[in-house]
Amino acid sequence: MIKDNLVKVKNRINVVNHNQKVTLIAVSKTRSTTELQQAIDAGQQHFGENYLQEALEKIDALKGQNLIWHFIGPIQSNKTAKIAENFDWVHSVDRPKIAKRLNDQRPENFDKLNVLLQVNIDNEATKSGVLVNEIDEVISHFENFQNISLRGFMCIPNPANVQISFTKMAEILKKYPNLDTLSMGMSNDLELAIENGATFVRIGTDVFGKRLK
C-alpha cells in the first residue's frame, strides 16, 4: 500500500506545471519502523519527524540506509543538541536563540546543518514562527553561524487562506536570492504549493494512510 501511495503522490507532483526541483518528504511521525522500511524499500529517502525521542529511535534502527532526516516539529531549547547531532535539515527554526544553539551544538566534523525559518505567514496567535516583518532582523543573526546554513523558509498556512499564503511565501523567497528552499504543502494542498514554488512538500497521510486511533 505504501509503495502504491508513493507512486500516486509522485504522480501528483509530476503533473503540476513547475520548473523547480520538488522533493517529497514522507512525514513519518507516529509511524512504525516497519512502515518506514516499506517506504524506503519503495525508494523513499527523505523523512520528516516531529517528536525527537521517537525520531531518534527510528534514526538508530534504520541507520546505514542513506536516509535524509528532517526535523519539522516545534523545538524546545533542551532538545537542540540531539537535533543538531542527528538531523540533516531543520524546518522549524522560529527564533535566533534556537538557531544559535543548533549552530553551537552541531558537531564540527559534520556537514553544515541545513535550516529553514518557520514563518507565521498568517500571523496566527496559535502558531509558532517568525512574523513577516521580523524576517530581516532574524536573518541577520545567521552571518555569525559557521555550522548551520540558512536555506529558506517553511510555513503552515491557515487552511482558509492557502492560496494567498503560498503566494506571499513565494514573494518572500524572491527577496533573498541566496536562499533556495520553500517547505510548504501537505496532502491536501501540495499542488497549490508546488505552483507557488515549493521545493519540499511534507506528506504524511497520503503516503502512510490514515493514522489508527
C-alpha atoms as a PDB file:
ATOM      1  CA  MET A   1       0.000   0.000   0.000  1.00  0.00           C
ATOM      2  CA  ILE A   2       2.742   2.467   0.962  1.00  0.00           C
ATOM      3  CA  LYS A   3       4.585   1.745  -2.286  1.00  0.00           C
ATOM      4  CA  ASP A   4       1.417   2.424  -4.298  1.00  0.00           C
ATOM      5  CA  ASN A   5       0.737   5.582  -2.307  1.00  0.00           C
ATOM      6  CA  LEU A   6       4.213   6.915  -3.045  1.00  0.00           C
ATOM      7  CA  VAL A   7       3.659   6.372  -6.765  1.00  0.00           C
ATOM      8  CA  LYS A   8       0.346   8.268  -6.570  1.00  0.00           C
ATOM      9  CA  VAL A   9       1.862  11.206  -4.686  1.00  0.00           C
ATOM     10  CA  LYS A  10       4.815  11.440  -7.062  1.00  0.00           C
ATOM     11  CA  ASN A  11       2.405  11.418  -9.987  1.00  0.00           C
ATOM     12  CA  ARG A  12       0.505  14.289  -8.379  1.00  0.00           C
ATOM     13  CA  ILE A  13       3.766  16.212  -8.077  1.00  0.00           C
ATOM     14  CA  ASN A  14       4.817  15.499 -11.645  1.00  0.00           C
ATOM     15  CA  VAL A  15       1.597  16.661 -13.298  1.00  0.00           C
ATOM     16  CA  VAL A  16       1.815  20.127 -11.715  1.00  0.00           C
ATOM     17  CA  ASN A  17       3.343  22.733 -14.002  1.00  0.00           C
ATOM     18  CA  HIS A  18       6.600  23.737 -12.329  1.00  0.00           C
ATOM     19  CA  ASN A  19      10.266  24.415 -13.086  1.00  0.00           C
ATOM     20  CA  GLN A  20      11.846  23.845  -9.665  1.00  0.00           C
ATOM     21  CA  LYS A  21      13.019  20.516  -8.286  1.00  0.00           C
ATOM     22  CA  VAL A  22      10.424  19.223  -5.798  1.00  0.00           C
ATOM     23  CA  THR A  23      11.403  16.740  -3.085  1.00  0.00           C
ATOM     24  CA  LEU A  24       8.831  14.621  -1.285  1.00  0.00           C
ATOM     25  CA  ILE A  25       9.302  14.379   2.472  1.00  0.00           C
ATOM     26  CA  ALA A  26       7.380  11.460   3.963  1.00  0.00           C
ATOM     27  CA  VAL A  27       6.082  12.724   7.308  1.00  0.00           C
ATOM     28  CA  SER A  28       6.588   9.690   9.488  1.00  0.00           C
ATOM     29  CA  LYS A  29       5.643  10.843  12.998  1.00  0.00           C
ATOM     30  CA  THR A  30       3.828   8.090  14.946  1.00  0.00           C
ATOM     31  CA  ARG A  31       4.602   5.608  12.158  1.00  0.00           C
ATOM     32  CA  SER A  32       6.400   2.368  12.891  1.00  0.00           C
ATOM     33  CA  THR A  33       9.870   1.457  11.727  1.00  0.00           C
ATOM     34  CA  THR A  34       8.233  -1.298   9.665  1.00  0.00           C
ATOM     35  CA  GLU A  35       6.138   1.273   7.808  1.00  0.00           C
ATOM     36  CA  LEU A  36       9.190   3.449   7.192  1.00  0.00           C
ATOM     37  CA  GLN A  37      11.099   0.458   5.881  1.00  0.00           C
ATOM     38  CA  GLN A  38       8.312  -0.213   3.385  1.00  0.00           C
ATOM     39  CA  ALA A  39       8.678   3.350   2.138  1.00  0.00           C
ATOM     40  CA  ILE A  40      12.473   3.004   1.999  1.00  0.00           C
ATOM     41  CA  ASP A  41      12.147  -0.216   0.007  1.00  0.00           C
ATOM     42  CA  ALA A  42       9.972   1.732  -2.443  1.00  0.00           C
ATOM     43  CA  GLY A  43      12.737   4.306  -2.911  1.00  0.00           C
ATOM     44  CA  GLN A  44      11.834   6.985  -0.364  1.00  0.00           C
ATOM     45  CA  GLN A  45      14.858   8.743   1.121  1.00  0.00           C
ATOM     46  CA  HIS A  46      13.565  11.871   2.908  1.00  0.00           C
ATOM     47  CA  PHE A  47      11.635  11.527   6.177  1.00  0.00           C
ATOM     48  CA  GLY A  48      10.126  14.220   8.414  1.00  0.00           C
ATOM     49  CA  GLU A  49       9.747  13.769  12.159  1.00  0.00           C
ATOM     50  CA  ASN A  50       8.033  15.949  14.782  1.00  0.00           C
ATOM     51  CA  TYR A  51       8.890  14.218  18.049  1.00  0.00           C
ATOM     52  CA  LEU A  52      12.552  13.964  18.975  1.00  0.00           C
ATOM     53  CA  GLN A  53      12.663  10.825  21.115  1.00  0.00           C
ATOM     54  CA  GLU A  54      10.550   8.840  18.679  1.00  0.00           C
ATOM     55  CA  ALA A  55      12.691  10.080  15.801  1.00  0.00           C
ATOM     56  CA  LEU A  56      15.972   9.120  17.466  1.00  0.00           C
ATOM     57  CA  GLU A  57      14.784   5.536  17.876  1.00  0.00           C
ATOM     58  CA  LYS A  58      13.926   5.339  14.167  1.00  0.00           C
ATOM     59  CA  ILE A  59      17.160   7.001  13.063  1.00  0.00           C
ATOM     60  CA  ASP A  60      19.103   4.431  15.055  1.00  0.00           C
ATOM     61  CA  ALA A  61      17.022   1.482  13.846  1.00  0.00           C
ATOM     62  CA  LEU A  62      17.282   2.499  10.186  1.00  0.00           C
ATOM     63  CA  LYS A  63      20.882   3.723  10.046  1.00  0.00           C
ATOM     64  CA  GLY A  64      23.109   2.739   7.161  1.00  0.00           C
ATOM     65  CA  GLN A  65      20.408   3.240   4.507  1.00  0.00           C
ATOM     66  CA  ASN A  66      21.495   6.679   3.270  1.00  0.00           C
ATOM     67  CA  LEU A  67      18.378   8.420   4.595  1.00  0.00           C
ATOM     68  CA  ILE A  68      17.901  12.170   4.955  1.00  0.00           C
ATOM     69  CA  TRP A  69      16.148  13.223   8.157  1.00  0.00           C
ATOM     70  CA  HIS A  70      14.149  16.426   8.539  1.00  0.00           C
ATOM     71  CA  PHE A  71      13.027  17.781  11.916  1.00  0.00           C
ATOM     72  CA  ILE A  72       9.738  19.582  11.317  1.00  0.00           C
ATOM     73  CA  GLY A  73       8.216  19.931  14.799  1.00  0.00           C
ATOM     74  CA  PRO A  74       8.360  22.646  17.454  1.00  0.00           C
ATOM     75  CA  ILE A  75      11.813  22.967  19.024  1.00  0.00           C
ATOM     76  CA  GLN A  76      12.409  23.301  22.745  1.00  0.00           C
ATOM     77  CA  SER A  77      15.802  24.613  23.835  1.00  0.00           C
ATOM     78  CA  ASN A  78      16.640  21.417  25.720  1.00  0.00           C
ATOM     79  CA  LYS A  79      16.214  19.368  22.526  1.00  0.00           C
ATOM     80  CA  THR A  80      18.567  21.307  20.253  1.00  0.00           C
ATOM     81  CA  ALA A  81      21.724  19.275  20.943  1.00  0.00           C
ATOM     82  CA  LYS A  82      20.175  15.976  19.858  1.00  0.00           C
ATOM     83  CA  ILE A  83      18.540  17.629  16.849  1.00  0.00           C
ATOM     84  CA  ALA A  84      21.853  19.189  15.810  1.00  0.00           C
ATOM     85  CA  GLU A  85      23.628  15.833  16.124  1.00  0.00           C
ATOM     86  CA  ASN A  86      21.106  13.645  14.298  1.00  0.00           C
ATOM     87  CA  PHE A  87      19.276  15.562  11.559  1.00  0.00           C
ATOM     88  CA  ASP A  88      20.211  16.835   8.106  1.00  0.00           C
ATOM     89  CA  TRP A  89      17.526  19.527   7.895  1.00  0.00           C
ATOM     90  CA  VAL A  90      15.558  21.537  10.467  1.00  0.00           C
ATOM     91  CA  HIS A  91      12.424  23.260   9.144  1.00  0.00           C
ATOM     92  CA  SER A  92      11.078  24.817  12.323  1.00  0.00           C
ATOM     93  CA  VAL A  93      13.624  27.405  13.481  1.00  0.00           C
ATOM     94  CA  ASP A  94      11.489  30.225  14.837  1.00  0.00           C
ATOM     95  CA  ARG A  95      13.907  32.450  16.795  1.00  0.00           C
ATOM     96  CA  PRO A  96      17.611  33.369  16.839  1.00  0.00           C
ATOM     97  CA  LYS A  97      18.195  31.606  20.160  1.00  0.00           C
ATOM     98  CA  ILE A  98      17.289  28.239  18.618  1.00  0.00           C
ATOM     99  CA  ALA A  99      19.472  28.905  15.571  1.00  0.00           C
ATOM    100  CA  LYS A 100      22.441  29.756  17.803  1.00  0.00           C
ATOM    101  CA  ARG A 101      22.015  26.616  19.872  1.00  0.00           C
ATOM    102  CA  LEU A 102      21.812  24.435  16.764  1.00  0.00           C
ATOM    103  CA  ASN A 103      24.947  26.117  15.406  1.00  0.00           C
ATOM    104  CA  ASP A 104      26.904  25.749  18.649  1.00  0.00           C
ATOM    105  CA  GLN A 105      25.840  22.118  19.116  1.00  0.00           C
ATOM    106  CA  ARG A 106      26.363  20.883  15.548  1.00  0.00           C
ATOM    107  CA  PRO A 107      29.473  18.657  15.581  1.00  0.00           C
ATOM    108  CA  GLU A 108      32.218  20.447  13.657  1.00  0.00           C
ATOM    109  CA  ASN A 109      33.185  17.312  11.750  1.00  0.00           C
ATOM    110  CA  PHE A 110      29.645  17.095  10.304  1.00  0.00           C
ATOM    111  CA  ASP A 111      28.400  18.824   7.180  1.00  0.00           C
ATOM    112  CA  LYS A 112      26.583  22.069   7.906  1.00  0.00           C
ATOM    113  CA  LEU A 113      23.049  21.604   9.226  1.00  0.00           C
ATOM    114  CA  ASN A 114      20.512  22.942   6.716  1.00  0.00           C
ATOM    115  CA  VAL A 115      17.896  25.092   8.423  1.00  0.00           C
ATOM    116  CA  LEU A 116      14.698  26.847   7.417  1.00  0.00           C
ATOM    117  CA  LEU A 117      12.990  29.727   9.172  1.00  0.00           C
ATOM    118  CA  GLN A 118       9.418  28.898  10.071  1.00  0.00           C
ATOM    119  CA  VAL A 119       7.281  31.864   9.020  1.00  0.00           C
ATOM    120  CA  ASN A 120       3.963  32.563  10.715  1.00  0.00           C
ATOM    121  CA  ILE A 121       2.584  33.725   7.396  1.00  0.00           C
ATOM    122  CA  ASP A 122      -0.976  34.357   8.602  1.00  0.00           C
ATOM    123  CA  ASN A 123       0.070  35.969  11.895  1.00  0.00           C
ATOM    124  CA  GLU A 124      -1.847  33.375  13.907  1.00  0.00           C
ATOM    125  CA  ALA A 125      -1.564  33.505  17.682  1.00  0.00           C
ATOM    126  CA  THR A 126      -1.743  29.715  17.929  1.00  0.00           C
ATOM    127  CA  LYS A 127       1.223  29.059  15.607  1.00  0.00           C
ATOM    128  CA  SER A 128       4.968  29.336  16.010  1.00  0.00           C
ATOM    129  CA  GLY A 129       7.097  31.193  13.533  1.00  0.00           C
ATOM    130  CA  VAL A 130       8.768  34.446  12.659  1.00  0.00           C
ATOM    131  CA  LEU A 131       6.378  37.205  11.619  1.00  0.00           C
ATOM    132  CA  VAL A 132       6.929  38.582   8.128  1.00  0.00           C
ATOM    133  CA  ASN A 133       8.153  41.945   9.420  1.00  0.00           C
ATOM    134  CA  GLU A 134      10.725  40.176  11.639  1.00  0.00           C
ATOM    135  CA  ILE A 135      12.403  38.122   8.894  1.00  0.00           C
ATOM    136  CA  ASP A 136      15.191  40.589   8.029  1.00  0.00           C
ATOM    137  CA  GLU A 137      16.198  41.018  11.651  1.00  0.00           C
ATOM    138  CA  VAL A 138      16.256  37.278  12.331  1.00  0.00           C
ATOM    139  CA  ILE A 139      18.214  36.500   9.164  1.00  0.00           C
ATOM    140  CA  SER A 140      20.912  38.999  10.174  1.00  0.00           C
ATOM    141  CA  HIS A 141      21.914  36.688  13.033  1.00  0.00           C
ATOM    142  CA  PHE A 142      22.921  33.922  10.625  1.00  0.00           C
ATOM    143  CA  GLU A 143      26.015  35.833   9.469  1.00  0.00           C
ATOM    144  CA  ASN A 144      27.706  34.696  12.680  1.00  0.00           C
ATOM    145  CA  PHE A 145      26.929  30.975  12.358  1.00  0.00           C
ATOM    146  CA  GLN A 146      29.561  28.629  10.940  1.00  0.00           C
ATOM    147  CA  ASN A 147      27.934  25.216  11.438  1.00  0.00           C
ATOM    148  CA  ILE A 148      24.443  25.793  10.065  1.00  0.00           C
ATOM    149  CA  SER A 149      23.296  27.021   6.673  1.00  0.00           C
ATOM    150  CA  LEU A 150      20.104  29.036   6.245  1.00  0.00           C
ATOM    151  CA  ARG A 151      18.462  27.680   3.089  1.00  0.00           C
ATOM    152  CA  GLY A 152      14.986  29.234   3.064  1.00  0.00           C
ATOM    153  CA  PHE A 153      11.580  29.139   4.703  1.00  0.00           C
ATOM    154  CA  MET A 154       8.830  26.845   5.934  1.00  0.00           C
ATOM    155  CA  CYS A 155       5.194  27.663   6.589  1.00  0.00           C
ATOM    156  CA  ILE A 156       1.971  26.027   7.758  1.00  0.00           C
ATOM    157  CA  PRO A 157      -0.798  28.247   6.357  1.00  0.00           C
ATOM    158  CA  ASN A 158      -4.289  28.653   7.663  1.00  0.00           C
ATOM    159  CA  PRO A 159      -6.424  26.235   5.595  1.00  0.00           C
ATOM    160  CA  ALA A 160      -8.853  29.062   4.833  1.00  0.00           C
ATOM    161  CA  ASN A 161      -6.090  31.193   3.353  1.00  0.00           C
ATOM    162  CA  VAL A 162      -3.814  28.778   1.499  1.00  0.00           C
ATOM    163  CA  GLN A 163      -3.567  30.436  -1.927  1.00  0.00           C
ATOM    164  CA  ILE A 164      -2.774  33.882  -0.526  1.00  0.00           C
ATOM    165  CA  SER A 165      -0.291  32.461   1.985  1.00  0.00           C
ATOM    166  CA  PHE A 166       1.627  30.400  -0.571  1.00  0.00           C
ATOM    167  CA  THR A 167       1.808  33.385  -2.921  1.00  0.00           C
ATOM    168  CA  LYS A 168       3.199  35.525  -0.088  1.00  0.00           C
ATOM    169  CA  MET A 169       5.822  32.895   0.704  1.00  0.00           C
ATOM    170  CA  ALA A 170       6.954  32.814  -2.927  1.00  0.00           C
ATOM    171  CA  GLU A 171       7.325  36.603  -2.872  1.00  0.00           C
ATOM    172  CA  ILE A 172       9.328  36.466   0.356  1.00  0.00           C
ATOM    173  CA  LEU A 173      11.795  33.907  -1.036  1.00  0.00           C
ATOM    174  CA  LYS A 174      12.405  36.096  -4.108  1.00  0.00           C
ATOM    175  CA  LYS A 175      13.697  38.861  -1.822  1.00  0.00           C
ATOM    176  CA  TYR A 176      16.608  36.641  -0.764  1.00  0.00           C
ATOM    177  CA  PRO A 177      18.444  35.436  -3.903  1.00  0.00           C
ATOM    178  CA  ASN A 178      20.959  33.447  -1.851  1.00  0.00           C
ATOM    179  CA  LEU A 179      18.158  31.246  -0.445  1.00  0.00           C
ATOM    180  CA  ASP A 180      16.669  28.411  -2.481  1.00  0.00           C
ATOM    181  CA  THR A 181      14.204  26.391  -0.401  1.00  0.00           C
ATOM    182  CA  LEU A 182      10.473  26.629   0.327  1.00  0.00           C
ATOM    183  CA  SER A 183       8.957  23.925   2.531  1.00  0.00           C
ATOM    184  CA  MET A 184       5.187  24.109   2.161  1.00  0.00           C
ATOM    185  CA  GLY A 185       2.350  21.921   1.042  1.00  0.00           C
ATOM    186  CA  MET A 186       0.812  18.837   2.620  1.00  0.00           C
ATOM    187  CA  SER A 187      -1.542  16.103   1.430  1.00  0.00           C
ATOM    188  CA  ASN A 188      -4.496  18.440   0.785  1.00  0.00           C
ATOM    189  CA  ASP A 189      -2.710  21.298  -0.923  1.00  0.00           C
ATOM    190  CA  LEU A 190       0.538  20.040  -2.449  1.00  0.00           C
ATOM    191  CA  GLU A 191      -0.436  21.064  -5.999  1.00  0.00           C
ATOM    192  CA  LEU A 192      -1.072  24.652  -4.958  1.00  0.00           C
ATOM    193  CA  ALA A 193       2.192  24.731  -3.017  1.00  0.00           C
ATOM    194  CA  ILE A 194       4.208  23.476  -5.987  1.00  0.00           C
ATOM    195  CA  GLU A 195       2.562  26.001  -8.318  1.00  0.00           C
ATOM    196  CA  ASN A 196       3.835  28.674  -5.933  1.00  0.00           C
ATOM    197  CA  GLY A 197       7.398  27.416  -5.812  1.00  0.00           C
ATOM    198  CA  ALA A 198       7.542  24.764  -3.069  1.00  0.00           C
ATOM    199  CA  THR A 199      10.741  22.726  -3.200  1.00  0.00           C
ATOM    200  CA  PHE A 200       9.805  20.445  -0.281  1.00  0.00           C
ATOM    201  CA  VAL A 201       6.298  19.047   0.204  1.00  0.00           C
ATOM    202  CA  ARG A 202       5.580  17.343   3.531  1.00  0.00           C
ATOM    203  CA  ILE A 203       3.199  14.413   3.012  1.00  0.00           C
ATOM    204  CA  GLY A 204       2.021  12.079   5.761  1.00  0.00           C
ATOM    205  CA  THR A 205      -1.484  10.673   5.326  1.00  0.00           C
ATOM    206  CA  ASP A 206      -1.307  10.252   1.559  1.00  0.00           C
ATOM    207  CA  VAL A 207       1.892   8.213   1.919  1.00  0.00           C
ATOM    208  CA  PHE A 208       1.204   6.115   5.004  1.00  0.00           C
ATOM    209  CA  GLY A 209      -2.604   6.141   5.124  1.00  0.00           C
ATOM    210  CA  LYS A 210      -4.810   7.439   7.914  1.00  0.00           C
ATOM    211  CA  ARG A 211      -3.467   7.017  11.426  1.00  0.00           C
ATOM    212  CA  LEU A 212      -5.068   4.372  13.550  1.00  0.00           C
ATOM    213  CA  LYS A 213      -6.719   5.886  16.610  1.00  0.00           C
END
